[in-house]
Amino acid sequence: MNQFSKQLLTVGEMASGVSLTVPVYRLKGNGQGPSVYIQANIHGAEVQGNAVIYQLLELLQQETLSGDITLVPYANPIASNHKNGEYTLGRFDPITGVNWNRMYHFDDSFITDFSLRHANSNIADIKSEFKQLMLDSIADKLDHNNYGLTTGCRIAYQLQQMAHQADIVLDLHTGPISSKHLYCPEILKNSASYFNVPHTILIPNSFDGAMDEATFCPWWSLTDAYHKLGRALNFEKESLTVELGSQELIDLDEALIDAQSILCYLQHKNVLLGNKYQPQNISRYACYLKDYKVYYSPMGGMVDYLAEFGKPLAAGEPLARILRMDNYGDGNALHYLTLDEDSLPILHFASASVHQGTQLYKLFTNYFTL
């Protein structure tokens, strides 16, 4: 049984003075392997990650760990409690309107100067000092901001403080109605093959505010800076977003499968010892982020979603059909929607009732096998 600990991290306060707390679970390794940070439920309706963390805790306590693992379910207590009737909202901060997963911090202005100052330093010192620099930057934003922080930024920065201390970061999400898929940095393409996940979006070194970007962009940028100095360094830092299917659903049996998939990857990264977990022999498709397309509904109406996730959709085959009862009797009541290129559907809007311009589907184009 591994050394196990739990704490409640206070990440903010409500108007009534009640503290906003987040549970943090830690498992201690033997110090020989990479450290790991895993969080879930930054978006309120994306609850399956909490079930996966439960299954991970159950499984990990029976494993021999070479690296420390930190697990954070219910990462955003405001979002997970943001209900409207029977639905959980919680994708956007209700005060500012900003996506909860677009509030993390990354400043690349110091990277070139850092690489020049440490042009000849050994890699261990570079990793240690660069990590401390990022932690100091976050601490400064938390503790020395004269004009304060939004609720969302205060939560995000405290989560990011924990993430920056790890070598591997996994952010667990779900889509609306969705297949399982990964967001994986282009330079880590090989890592995607160790998850039992059929679809991977390969993303560039570009920061748009998300947790995965906030933790891999600094190290990728530092790697590029040293490459310009003639040094090929591998800092062995990885960060991925794992999309676990559809929102508003908990499935503990499926969560066990997802936890085993994550452990397969962590075993490959030498976080846990042994060879118990092996990647499944499945077809794995990928596309680059630029080829991950959003299809917006060309009209309003009631949608019958036809295209199946993970099944190649040939150009001209029906993606969906829209029912317009207002046209019945004096026009077309059914309208079929098609694309003029081959695609691979990944997720679709959660409701059958859509306005014109609703984000109807997300699809791979120009996809390939990993």
Protein backbone atom coordinates (compact mmCIF):
# COMPACT_ATOMS: atom_id res chain seq x y z
CA MET A 1 0.00 0.00 0.00
CA ASN A 2 1.47 3.36 -1.07
CA GLN A 3 1.72 6.31 1.28
CA PHE A 4 -1.54 8.21 0.81
CA SER A 5 -2.55 11.70 1.94
CA LYS A 6 -5.46 14.08 1.48
CA GLN A 7 -5.87 17.81 1.98
CA LEU A 8 -8.51 20.43 1.23
CA LEU A 9 -7.10 23.35 -0.75
CA THR A 10 -8.95 26.65 -0.28
CA VAL A 11 -9.18 28.34 -3.69
CA GLY A 12 -11.55 31.22 -2.94
CA GLU A 13 -14.52 32.51 -0.98
CA MET A 14 -18.22 32.92 -1.72
CA ALA A 15 -20.15 36.12 -0.99
CA SER A 16 -21.40 34.55 2.26
CA GLY A 17 -17.81 34.00 3.39
CA VAL A 18 -17.95 30.24 2.83
CA SER A 19 -14.64 28.88 1.60
CA LEU A 20 -14.34 27.25 -1.81
CA THR A 21 -12.31 24.08 -1.32
CA VAL A 22 -10.84 21.47 -3.65
CA PRO A 23 -9.75 17.97 -2.50
CA VAL A 24 -6.15 17.07 -3.27
CA TYR A 25 -4.97 13.45 -3.03
CA ARG A 26 -1.30 12.48 -3.08
CA LEU A 27 0.42 9.13 -3.49
CA LYS A 28 4.11 8.91 -2.66
CA GLY A 29 6.51 7.09 -4.99
CA ASN A 30 10.09 6.01 -4.37
CA GLY A 31 11.49 9.15 -5.99
CA GLN A 32 13.04 7.36 -8.96
CA GLY A 33 10.40 8.21 -11.58
CA PRO A 34 8.60 11.25 -13.00
CA SER A 35 5.96 13.01 -10.95
CA VAL A 36 2.37 13.30 -12.15
CA TYR A 37 -0.49 15.78 -11.74
CA ILE A 38 -4.04 14.82 -12.79
CA GLN A 39 -7.10 17.06 -12.45
CA ALA A 40 -10.77 16.76 -13.42
CA ASN A 41 -13.99 18.79 -13.60
CA ILE A 42 -12.69 22.28 -14.36
CA HIS A 43 -15.89 22.50 -16.43
CA GLY A 44 -19.00 21.89 -14.36
CA ALA A 45 -20.83 19.35 -16.55
CA GLU A 46 -17.68 17.32 -17.29
CA VAL A 47 -18.00 14.95 -14.37
CA GLN A 48 -16.65 11.62 -15.67
CA GLY A 49 -13.10 12.59 -14.74
CA ASN A 50 -14.04 12.43 -11.07
CA ALA A 51 -15.04 8.79 -11.50
CA VAL A 52 -11.76 8.11 -13.30
CA ILE A 53 -9.79 9.68 -10.43
CA TYR A 54 -11.71 7.46 -7.99
CA GLN A 55 -10.72 4.37 -10.00
CA LEU A 56 -7.13 5.60 -10.27
CA LEU A 57 -6.93 5.98 -6.49
CA GLU A 58 -8.28 2.46 -6.03
CA LEU A 59 -5.79 0.98 -8.53
CA LEU A 60 -2.74 3.05 -7.67
CA GLN A 61 -2.75 2.10 -4.01
CA GLN A 62 -2.02 -1.46 -5.10
CA GLU A 63 0.88 -0.52 -7.41
CA THR A 64 4.57 0.12 -6.80
CA LEU A 65 5.16 3.75 -7.71
CA SER A 66 8.45 5.24 -8.78
CA GLY A 67 6.99 8.74 -9.07
CA ASP A 68 4.72 10.87 -6.87
CA ILE A 69 1.14 11.32 -8.11
CA THR A 70 -1.22 14.18 -7.26
CA LEU A 71 -4.91 13.83 -8.15
CA VAL A 72 -7.45 16.66 -7.99
CA PRO A 73 -11.15 15.91 -8.61
CA TYR A 74 -13.78 18.68 -8.43
CA ALA A 75 -11.09 21.13 -9.53
CA ASN A 76 -13.62 23.95 -9.91
CA PRO A 77 -16.20 24.02 -7.10
CA ILE A 78 -18.11 26.94 -8.64
CA ALA A 79 -18.56 25.28 -12.02
CA SER A 80 -19.59 21.90 -10.61
CA ASN A 81 -22.36 23.60 -8.60
CA HIS A 82 -23.56 25.88 -11.40
CA LYS A 83 -26.96 24.36 -12.12
CA ASN A 84 -29.90 25.52 -14.22
CA GLY A 85 -32.82 23.20 -13.62
CA GLU A 86 -31.61 19.66 -14.26
CA TYR A 87 -28.58 20.78 -16.27
CA THR A 88 -25.08 21.69 -15.13
CA LEU A 89 -23.70 24.77 -16.88
CA GLY A 90 -20.23 25.59 -15.60
CA ARG A 91 -18.30 25.95 -18.86
CA PHE A 92 -17.95 29.71 -18.48
CA ASP A 93 -17.43 31.93 -15.47
CA PRO A 94 -20.94 33.37 -14.94
CA ILE A 95 -19.48 36.74 -13.87
CA THR A 96 -16.90 37.35 -16.62
CA GLY A 97 -18.15 34.99 -19.35
CA VAL A 98 -14.64 33.54 -19.80
CA ASN A 99 -14.14 29.81 -20.38
CA TRP A 100 -12.90 28.31 -17.10
CA ASN A 101 -10.17 26.47 -19.06
CA ARG A 102 -8.78 29.65 -20.62
CA MET A 103 -7.49 31.41 -17.51
CA TYR A 104 -4.08 29.85 -16.94
CA HIS A 105 -0.85 31.83 -17.16
CA PHE A 106 2.07 31.66 -19.58
CA ASP A 107 4.61 34.40 -20.29
CA ASP A 108 7.23 33.50 -22.91
CA SER A 109 9.09 36.81 -22.69
CA PHE A 110 11.76 35.49 -20.31
CA ILE A 111 12.59 32.23 -22.13
CA THR A 112 15.25 33.50 -24.53
CA ASP A 113 17.02 35.42 -21.77
CA PHE A 114 16.88 32.36 -19.49
CA SER A 115 18.43 30.11 -22.14
CA LEU A 116 21.23 32.59 -22.75
CA ARG A 117 21.98 32.93 -19.04
CA HIS A 118 22.05 29.14 -18.71
CA ALA A 119 23.56 28.37 -22.10
CA ASN A 120 26.09 25.93 -20.66
CA SER A 121 24.30 24.74 -17.54
CA ASN A 122 23.63 21.04 -17.03
CA ILE A 123 20.11 19.84 -17.75
CA ALA A 124 19.26 19.08 -14.12
CA ASP A 125 20.04 22.66 -13.07
CA ILE A 126 18.14 24.06 -16.05
CA LYS A 127 15.03 22.03 -15.18
CA SER A 128 15.18 22.95 -11.52
CA GLU A 129 15.71 26.68 -12.05
CA PHE A 130 13.19 26.97 -14.90
CA LYS A 131 10.51 25.21 -12.87
CA GLN A 132 11.18 27.51 -9.93
CA LEU A 133 10.96 30.52 -12.23
CA MET A 134 7.49 29.43 -13.38
CA LEU A 135 6.37 28.77 -9.81
CA ASP A 136 7.65 32.17 -8.70
CA SER A 137 5.77 33.82 -11.57
CA ILE A 138 2.49 32.20 -10.51
CA ALA A 139 3.10 33.01 -6.83
CA ASP A 140 3.72 36.62 -7.75
CA LYS A 141 0.42 36.83 -9.63
CA LEU A 142 -1.40 35.30 -6.66
CA ASP A 143 0.26 37.24 -3.88
CA HIS A 144 1.34 40.59 -5.33
CA ASN A 145 -1.43 41.73 -7.61
CA ASN A 146 -2.40 45.17 -6.36
CA TYR A 147 -5.72 45.18 -8.19
CA GLY A 148 -6.74 41.64 -7.33
CA LEU A 149 -7.73 38.64 -9.44
CA THR A 150 -10.95 37.29 -10.89
CA THR A 151 -12.39 34.25 -9.14
CA GLY A 152 -11.51 32.10 -12.15
CA CYS A 153 -7.89 33.22 -12.34
CA ARG A 154 -7.41 32.64 -8.61
CA ILE A 155 -8.64 29.06 -8.99
CA ALA A 156 -6.65 28.47 -12.18
CA TYR A 157 -3.36 29.78 -10.78
CA GLN A 158 -3.59 27.61 -7.67
CA LEU A 159 -4.21 24.53 -9.81
CA GLN A 160 -1.35 25.56 -12.07
CA GLN A 161 0.99 25.85 -9.09
CA MET A 162 0.48 22.14 -8.45
CA ALA A 163 0.74 21.25 -12.14
CA HIS A 164 4.05 23.09 -12.61
CA GLN A 165 5.63 20.89 -9.93
CA ALA A 166 4.96 17.73 -11.97
CA ASP A 167 6.72 16.19 -14.96
CA ILE A 168 3.49 14.83 -16.45
CA VAL A 169 0.16 16.68 -16.47
CA LEU A 170 -3.19 15.16 -17.48
CA ASP A 171 -6.29 17.35 -17.60
CA LEU A 172 -9.49 15.25 -17.72
CA HIS A 173 -12.45 16.61 -19.69
CA THR A 174 -15.47 15.47 -21.67
CA GLY A 175 -17.31 16.82 -24.69
CA PRO A 176 -21.06 17.52 -25.07
CA ILE A 177 -22.03 14.23 -26.81
CA SER A 178 -18.61 12.87 -27.65
CA SER A 179 -16.24 10.05 -28.46
CA LYS A 180 -13.07 9.61 -26.43
CA HIS A 181 -10.16 11.63 -27.75
CA LEU A 182 -6.87 13.27 -26.78
CA TYR A 183 -5.34 16.68 -27.24
CA CYS A 184 -1.65 15.89 -27.59
CA PRO A 185 1.30 18.17 -28.43
CA GLU A 186 2.72 17.42 -31.87
CA ILE A 187 6.12 16.61 -30.38
CA LEU A 188 4.55 13.94 -28.11
CA LYS A 189 2.74 12.03 -30.86
CA ASN A 190 4.25 8.72 -29.77
CA SER A 191 2.74 9.06 -26.29
CA ALA A 192 -0.80 8.99 -27.70
CA SER A 193 -0.29 5.36 -28.74
CA TYR A 194 -0.11 4.29 -25.08
CA PHE A 195 -3.66 5.45 -24.29
CA ASN A 196 -6.55 3.22 -25.29
CA VAL A 197 -8.13 6.21 -26.99
CA PRO A 198 -9.06 6.03 -30.69
CA HIS A 199 -8.79 9.70 -31.67
CA THR A 200 -5.97 12.22 -31.18
CA ILE A 201 -5.76 15.92 -32.05
CA LEU A 202 -2.15 17.01 -32.45
CA ILE A 203 -1.69 20.58 -31.24
CA PRO A 204 1.08 23.10 -31.96
CA ASN A 205 3.20 25.11 -29.55
CA SER A 206 0.57 27.81 -29.22
CA PHE A 207 -0.90 29.15 -25.98
CA ASP A 208 -4.63 29.90 -25.79
CA GLY A 209 -5.09 29.79 -22.02
CA ALA A 210 -5.71 26.06 -21.41
CA MET A 211 -4.05 23.94 -18.71
CA ASP A 212 -2.27 21.58 -21.12
CA GLU A 213 -0.83 24.52 -23.08
CA ALA A 214 0.16 26.36 -19.88
CA THR A 215 2.27 23.38 -18.84
CA PHE A 216 3.78 22.15 -22.13
CA CYS A 217 4.31 25.46 -24.00
CA PRO A 218 7.00 26.74 -21.57
CA TRP A 219 9.10 23.57 -21.89
CA TRP A 220 8.59 23.24 -25.63
CA SER A 221 9.57 26.90 -26.07
CA LEU A 222 12.63 26.37 -23.87
CA THR A 223 13.59 23.34 -25.97
CA ASP A 224 13.39 25.49 -29.11
CA ALA A 225 15.47 28.23 -27.47
CA TYR A 226 18.26 25.76 -26.68
CA HIS A 227 18.02 24.29 -30.19
CA LYS A 228 18.86 27.76 -31.52
CA LEU A 229 21.92 27.68 -29.27
CA GLY A 230 22.98 24.33 -30.72
CA ARG A 231 21.86 22.19 -27.78
CA ALA A 232 19.38 19.35 -28.24
CA LEU A 233 17.79 18.93 -24.81
CA ASN A 234 14.89 16.71 -23.77
CA PHE A 235 13.32 17.97 -20.56
CA GLU A 236 10.95 14.97 -20.37
CA LYS A 237 7.91 17.09 -19.61
CA GLU A 238 4.54 16.04 -20.99
CA SER A 239 1.03 17.46 -20.82
CA LEU A 240 -2.14 16.17 -22.47
CA THR A 241 -5.88 16.72 -22.28
CA VAL A 242 -7.89 13.48 -22.07
CA GLU A 243 -11.49 13.73 -23.30
CA LEU A 244 -13.47 10.92 -21.67
CA GLY A 245 -16.70 10.96 -23.67
CA SER A 246 -19.91 12.87 -22.97
CA GLN A 247 -20.76 15.39 -20.27
CA GLU A 248 -23.36 15.06 -17.48
CA LEU A 249 -22.67 11.32 -17.20
CA ILE A 250 -20.92 9.14 -14.63
CA ASP A 251 -20.12 5.54 -15.57
CA LEU A 252 -17.88 3.84 -13.00
CA ASP A 253 -17.36 0.73 -15.14
CA GLU A 254 -16.21 2.86 -18.08
CA ALA A 255 -14.13 4.93 -15.64
CA LEU A 256 -12.22 1.78 -14.69
CA ILE A 257 -11.40 1.21 -18.36
CA ASP A 258 -10.27 4.83 -18.68
CA ALA A 259 -8.15 4.58 -15.52
CA GLN A 260 -6.44 1.47 -16.88
CA SER A 261 -5.76 3.36 -20.11
CA ILE A 262 -4.09 6.17 -18.15
CA LEU A 263 -2.06 3.65 -16.16
CA CYS A 264 -0.88 2.07 -19.40
CA TYR A 265 0.56 5.46 -20.38
CA LEU A 266 2.01 6.11 -16.90
CA GLN A 267 3.62 2.67 -16.89
CA HIS A 268 5.22 3.49 -20.25
CA LYS A 269 6.58 6.69 -18.66
CA ASN A 270 8.02 4.66 -15.74
CA VAL A 271 5.75 6.21 -13.13
CA LEU A 272 4.73 2.76 -11.93
CA LEU A 273 6.70 -0.45 -12.11
CA GLY A 274 5.78 -3.66 -13.88
CA ASN A 275 4.10 -4.54 -17.17
CA LYS A 276 0.50 -5.14 -16.08
CA TYR A 277 -0.98 -2.52 -18.40
CA GLN A 278 -0.54 -2.87 -22.16
CA PRO A 279 -2.01 -0.69 -24.92
CA GLN A 280 -4.89 -2.27 -26.78
CA ASN A 281 -4.54 -3.19 -30.44
CA ILE A 282 -7.07 -0.65 -31.76
CA SER A 283 -7.19 1.70 -34.72
CA ARG A 284 -5.96 5.12 -33.66
CA TYR A 285 -6.76 8.10 -35.87
CA ALA A 286 -5.20 11.54 -35.63
CA CYS A 287 -5.32 14.94 -37.26
CA TYR A 288 -3.57 18.23 -36.70
CA LEU A 289 -5.46 20.96 -34.88
CA LYS A 290 -5.77 23.01 -38.07
CA ASP A 291 -7.68 20.08 -39.60
CA TYR A 292 -10.04 19.63 -36.63
CA LYS A 293 -13.06 21.37 -38.08
CA VAL A 294 -16.21 22.80 -36.54
CA TYR A 295 -19.41 22.45 -38.56
CA TYR A 296 -21.98 25.14 -37.77
CA SER A 297 -25.64 24.52 -38.41
CA PRO A 298 -26.72 26.28 -41.63
CA MET A 299 -30.26 26.66 -40.29
CA GLY A 300 -32.33 26.43 -37.14
CA GLY A 301 -34.53 23.45 -36.34
CA MET A 302 -34.64 20.05 -34.66
CA VAL A 303 -31.61 17.90 -35.43
CA ASP A 304 -31.44 14.16 -35.96
CA TYR A 305 -27.73 13.38 -35.63
CA LEU A 306 -26.86 10.64 -38.13
CA ALA A 307 -23.07 10.40 -38.40
CA GLU A 308 -21.44 7.90 -36.03
CA PHE A 309 -18.38 8.81 -33.98
CA GLY A 310 -15.17 7.24 -35.18
CA LYS A 311 -16.71 5.96 -38.42
CA PRO A 312 -15.25 7.59 -41.54
CA LEU A 313 -17.86 9.72 -43.28
CA ALA A 314 -17.41 9.99 -47.04
CA ALA A 315 -18.04 13.29 -48.79
CA GLY A 316 -21.73 13.60 -49.61
CA GLU A 317 -22.94 11.15 -46.98
CA PRO A 318 -25.48 12.61 -44.53
CA LEU A 319 -24.05 14.15 -41.38
CA ALA A 320 -27.45 15.00 -39.88
CA ARG A 321 -30.96 15.96 -40.88
CA ILE A 322 -32.95 18.91 -39.62
CA LEU A 323 -36.68 18.79 -39.06
CA ARG A 324 -38.58 22.00 -39.80
CA MET A 325 -42.23 21.41 -39.02
CA ASP A 326 -42.98 25.04 -39.84
CA ASN A 327 -42.32 24.14 -43.49
CA TYR A 328 -44.58 21.09 -43.55
CA GLY A 329 -47.27 21.36 -46.21
CA ASP A 330 -45.76 24.28 -48.08
CA GLY A 331 -42.03 23.43 -48.24
CA ASN A 332 -39.38 20.90 -47.24
CA ALA A 333 -39.81 19.64 -43.68
CA LEU A 334 -36.58 17.57 -43.77
CA HIS A 335 -33.19 18.99 -44.71
CA TYR A 336 -30.14 16.70 -45.03
CA LEU A 337 -26.72 18.13 -44.15
CA THR A 338 -23.60 16.88 -45.95
CA LEU A 339 -19.94 17.83 -46.32
CA ASP A 340 -17.92 18.06 -49.53
CA GLU A 341 -14.88 16.27 -48.07
CA ASP A 342 -14.20 13.04 -46.18
CA SER A 343 -14.29 13.42 -42.41
CA LEU A 344 -14.34 11.58 -39.10
CA PRO A 345 -17.01 12.80 -36.64
CA ILE A 346 -15.77 13.21 -33.06
CA LEU A 347 -18.53 15.01 -31.14
CA HIS A 348 -21.79 16.86 -31.59
CA PHE A 349 -23.99 19.38 -29.81
CA ALA A 350 -25.86 18.05 -26.79
CA SER A 351 -29.35 19.21 -27.74
CA ALA A 352 -31.60 18.36 -30.69
CA SER A 353 -32.90 21.95 -30.72
CA VAL A 354 -30.47 24.29 -32.48
CA HIS A 355 -30.27 27.83 -33.78
CA GLN A 356 -28.68 28.72 -37.08
CA GLY A 357 -24.96 28.96 -36.40
CA THR A 358 -24.90 26.44 -33.54
CA GLN A 359 -21.67 24.44 -33.30
CA LEU A 360 -23.22 21.21 -34.54
CA TYR A 361 -20.28 18.81 -35.02
CA LYS A 362 -16.53 18.67 -34.60
CA LEU A 363 -14.76 16.46 -37.13
CA PHE A 364 -11.32 15.26 -38.20
CA THR A 365 -10.35 16.10 -41.77
CA ASN A 366 -7.11 15.09 -43.49
CA TYR A 367 -6.82 12.44 -40.79
CA PHE A 368 -4.35 9.58 -40.65
CA THR A 369 -3.54 6.55 -38.49
CA LEU A 370 -1.05 6.74 -35.63
